[in-house]
Amino acid sequence: MTDIAPLAASSRATFGDPGVHAVVRSGRTVHAVSLGQWVGDEEVPELLCHTGVAGWSPAALEPTREAVTCARCLRRTGRQSLASQQLPLFGEVDIADDDGKLPVSE
C-alpha cells in the first residue's frame, strides 16, 4: 500500500503559514483553507467552504496570498463578502406608480 503521509505532510506545510489561501487548479476564486480529515488519520488542507474538488487531491489546491474572494468562505469567517459590497445595477430608481403598482409591459 502507498504511504500517503509524505504527501499529506507536504500539503500541510504548503498551507501552514497564516495568510496562505488556495485557488483550485488555476481558478480565479480564492478560498480560505482549514485542515480536514483525508485518508485514515491524515489531515490535509481543504477549502473552508467545502466546495467539491473533482478528483480530489491535495495537489489540486494552489497556494496564494491574495485576499479571499469566495463568498461562502467569507461568510464562514464572519467577514463581508464582495457580493454585499456590489453597487446597485440601476441605482435606487422607484418605477412604481402612485398606487405602488409596477408598470406592466404589453
C-alpha atoms as a PDB file:
ATOM      1  CA  MET A   1       0.000   0.000   0.000  1.00  0.00           C
ATOM      2  CA  THR A   2       1.238   3.514  -0.824  1.00  0.00           C
ATOM      3  CA  ASP A   3       2.349   5.666   2.086  1.00  0.00           C
ATOM      4  CA  ILE A   4       0.410   8.938   1.815  1.00  0.00           C
ATOM      5  CA  ALA A   5       1.940  10.543   4.913  1.00  0.00           C
ATOM      6  CA  PRO A   6       4.660  12.429   2.971  1.00  0.00           C
ATOM      7  CA  LEU A   7       2.081  13.896   0.555  1.00  0.00           C
ATOM      8  CA  ALA A   8      -0.164  14.961   3.451  1.00  0.00           C
ATOM      9  CA  ALA A   9       2.769  16.493   5.355  1.00  0.00           C
ATOM     10  CA  SER A  10       3.948  18.365   2.271  1.00  0.00           C
ATOM     11  CA  SER A  11       0.475  19.748   1.665  1.00  0.00           C
ATOM     12  CA  ARG A  12       0.112  20.848   5.304  1.00  0.00           C
ATOM     13  CA  ALA A  13       3.484  22.605   5.122  1.00  0.00           C
ATOM     14  CA  THR A  14       2.476  24.471   1.951  1.00  0.00           C
ATOM     15  CA  PHE A  15      -0.632  25.940   3.592  1.00  0.00           C
ATOM     16  CA  GLY A  16       0.725  26.142   7.152  1.00  0.00           C
ATOM     17  CA  ASP A  17       1.537  29.854   7.245  1.00  0.00           C
ATOM     18  CA  PRO A  18      -1.169  32.324   8.250  1.00  0.00           C
ATOM     19  CA  GLY A  19      -2.473  34.256   5.261  1.00  0.00           C
ATOM     20  CA  VAL A  20      -1.952  31.448   2.765  1.00  0.00           C
ATOM     21  CA  HIS A  21      -5.178  30.733   0.906  1.00  0.00           C
ATOM     22  CA  ALA A  22      -5.986  28.443  -2.021  1.00  0.00           C
ATOM     23  CA  VAL A  23      -7.018  28.570  -5.641  1.00  0.00           C
ATOM     24  CA  VAL A  24      -8.347  25.375  -7.228  1.00  0.00           C
ATOM     25  CA  ARG A  25      -6.437  24.380 -10.369  1.00  0.00           C
ATOM     26  CA  SER A  26      -5.570  27.894 -11.543  1.00  0.00           C
ATOM     27  CA  GLY A  27      -9.117  29.126 -10.934  1.00  0.00           C
ATOM     28  CA  ARG A  28      -9.986  32.736 -10.149  1.00  0.00           C
ATOM     29  CA  THR A  29     -11.774  32.279  -6.817  1.00  0.00           C
ATOM     30  CA  VAL A  30      -9.558  32.489  -3.740  1.00  0.00           C
ATOM     31  CA  HIS A  31     -10.687  30.236  -0.868  1.00  0.00           C
ATOM     32  CA  ALA A  32      -9.870  30.164   2.836  1.00  0.00           C
ATOM     33  CA  VAL A  33      -8.224  26.909   3.942  1.00  0.00           C
ATOM     34  CA  SER A  34      -8.590  24.709   7.016  1.00  0.00           C
ATOM     35  CA  LEU A  35      -7.361  21.240   7.894  1.00  0.00           C
ATOM     36  CA  GLY A  36      -9.708  18.325   7.321  1.00  0.00           C
ATOM     37  CA  GLN A  37      -9.532  14.562   7.557  1.00  0.00           C
ATOM     38  CA  TRP A  38      -8.383  12.981   4.304  1.00  0.00           C
ATOM     39  CA  VAL A  39      -7.495   9.274   4.379  1.00  0.00           C
ATOM     40  CA  GLY A  40      -7.249   7.388   7.651  1.00  0.00           C
ATOM     41  CA  ASP A  41      -5.839   9.726  10.272  1.00  0.00           C
ATOM     42  CA  GLU A  42      -4.124  12.024   7.799  1.00  0.00           C
ATOM     43  CA  GLU A  43      -5.202  15.657   7.718  1.00  0.00           C
ATOM     44  CA  VAL A  44      -4.686  17.895   4.718  1.00  0.00           C
ATOM     45  CA  PRO A  45      -5.764  21.425   3.791  1.00  0.00           C
ATOM     46  CA  GLU A  46      -9.311  21.694   2.474  1.00  0.00           C
ATOM     47  CA  LEU A  47     -11.492  24.570   1.347  1.00  0.00           C
ATOM     48  CA  LEU A  48     -13.277  26.186   4.284  1.00  0.00           C
ATOM     49  CA  CYS A  49     -16.482  26.403   2.218  1.00  0.00           C
ATOM     50  CA  HIS A  50     -16.295  22.639   1.489  1.00  0.00           C
ATOM     51  CA  THR A  51     -16.747  23.242  -2.219  1.00  0.00           C
ATOM     52  CA  GLY A  52     -16.128  19.958  -4.001  1.00  0.00           C
ATOM     53  CA  VAL A  53     -12.959  19.474  -5.993  1.00  0.00           C
ATOM     54  CA  ALA A  54     -13.290  16.847  -8.736  1.00  0.00           C
ATOM     55  CA  GLY A  55     -10.652  14.147  -8.488  1.00  0.00           C
ATOM     56  CA  TRP A  56      -9.794  15.455  -5.045  1.00  0.00           C
ATOM     57  CA  SER A  57      -6.098  15.581  -4.435  1.00  0.00           C
ATOM     58  CA  PRO A  58      -4.108  17.910  -2.189  1.00  0.00           C
ATOM     59  CA  ALA A  59      -2.174  18.856  -5.323  1.00  0.00           C
ATOM     60  CA  ALA A  60      -5.348  20.435  -6.794  1.00  0.00           C
ATOM     61  CA  LEU A  61      -5.004  23.355  -4.368  1.00  0.00           C
ATOM     62  CA  GLU A  62      -2.506  26.036  -5.333  1.00  0.00           C
ATOM     63  CA  PRO A  63      -1.310  28.411  -2.594  1.00  0.00           C
ATOM     64  CA  THR A  64      -1.811  32.162  -2.875  1.00  0.00           C
ATOM     65  CA  ARG A  65      -1.538  35.156  -0.573  1.00  0.00           C
ATOM     66  CA  GLU A  66      -4.297  37.009  -2.429  1.00  0.00           C
ATOM     67  CA  ALA A  67      -7.364  38.078  -0.434  1.00  0.00           C
ATOM     68  CA  VAL A  68     -10.194  35.539  -0.078  1.00  0.00           C
ATOM     69  CA  THR A  69     -12.937  36.170  -2.657  1.00  0.00           C
ATOM     70  CA  CYS A  70     -15.186  33.125  -2.089  1.00  0.00           C
ATOM     71  CA  ALA A  71     -18.465  34.408  -0.604  1.00  0.00           C
ATOM     72  CA  ARG A  72     -19.070  31.159   1.327  1.00  0.00           C
ATOM     73  CA  CYS A  73     -15.571  31.225   2.864  1.00  0.00           C
ATOM     74  CA  LEU A  74     -16.000  34.888   3.813  1.00  0.00           C
ATOM     75  CA  ARG A  75     -19.367  34.145   5.443  1.00  0.00           C
ATOM     76  CA  ARG A  76     -17.842  31.282   7.458  1.00  0.00           C
ATOM     77  CA  THR A  77     -15.062  33.565   8.713  1.00  0.00           C
ATOM     78  CA  GLY A  78     -17.535  36.324   9.579  1.00  0.00           C
ATOM     79  CA  ARG A  79     -16.193  38.767   7.012  1.00  0.00           C
ATOM     80  CA  GLN A  80     -18.205  40.715   4.479  1.00  0.00           C
ATOM     81  CA  SER A  81     -18.429  39.168   1.033  1.00  0.00           C
ATOM     82  CA  LEU A  82     -17.727  41.115  -2.115  1.00  0.00           C
ATOM     83  CA  ALA A  83     -21.315  40.456  -3.226  1.00  0.00           C
ATOM     84  CA  SER A  84     -22.653  42.546  -0.331  1.00  0.00           C
ATOM     85  CA  GLN A  85     -20.392  45.406  -1.458  1.00  0.00           C
ATOM     86  CA  GLN A  86     -21.758  45.375  -5.005  1.00  0.00           C
ATOM     87  CA  LEU A  87     -23.356  48.592  -6.145  1.00  0.00           C
ATOM     88  CA  PRO A  88     -26.964  48.507  -7.378  1.00  0.00           C
ATOM     89  CA  LEU A  89     -27.115  47.949 -11.121  1.00  0.00           C
ATOM     90  CA  PHE A  90     -29.735  50.620 -11.810  1.00  0.00           C
ATOM     91  CA  GLY A  91     -29.468  52.682  -8.642  1.00  0.00           C
ATOM     92  CA  GLU A  92     -32.358  53.345  -6.314  1.00  0.00           C
ATOM     93  CA  VAL A  93     -34.928  54.129  -9.002  1.00  0.00           C
ATOM     94  CA  ASP A  94     -38.565  53.747  -7.994  1.00  0.00           C
ATOM     95  CA  ILE A  95     -40.597  52.875 -11.093  1.00  0.00           C
ATOM     96  CA  ALA A  96     -43.885  52.183  -9.296  1.00  0.00           C
ATOM     97  CA  ASP A  97     -46.843  54.456  -9.956  1.00  0.00           C
ATOM     98  CA  ASP A  98     -48.654  56.496  -7.263  1.00  0.00           C
ATOM     99  CA  ASP A  99     -50.613  53.387  -6.163  1.00  0.00           C
ATOM    100  CA  GLY A 100     -47.399  51.382  -5.674  1.00  0.00           C
ATOM    101  CA  LYS A 101     -48.024  49.199  -8.749  1.00  0.00           C
ATOM    102  CA  LEU A 102     -45.234  48.332 -11.139  1.00  0.00           C
ATOM    103  CA  PRO A 103     -45.789  49.032 -14.859  1.00  0.00           C
ATOM    104  CA  VAL A 104     -46.920  46.075 -16.948  1.00  0.00           C
ATOM    105  CA  SER A 105     -45.442  45.567 -20.399  1.00  0.00           C
ATOM    106  CA  GLU A 106     -47.944  44.949 -23.144  1.00  0.00           C
END
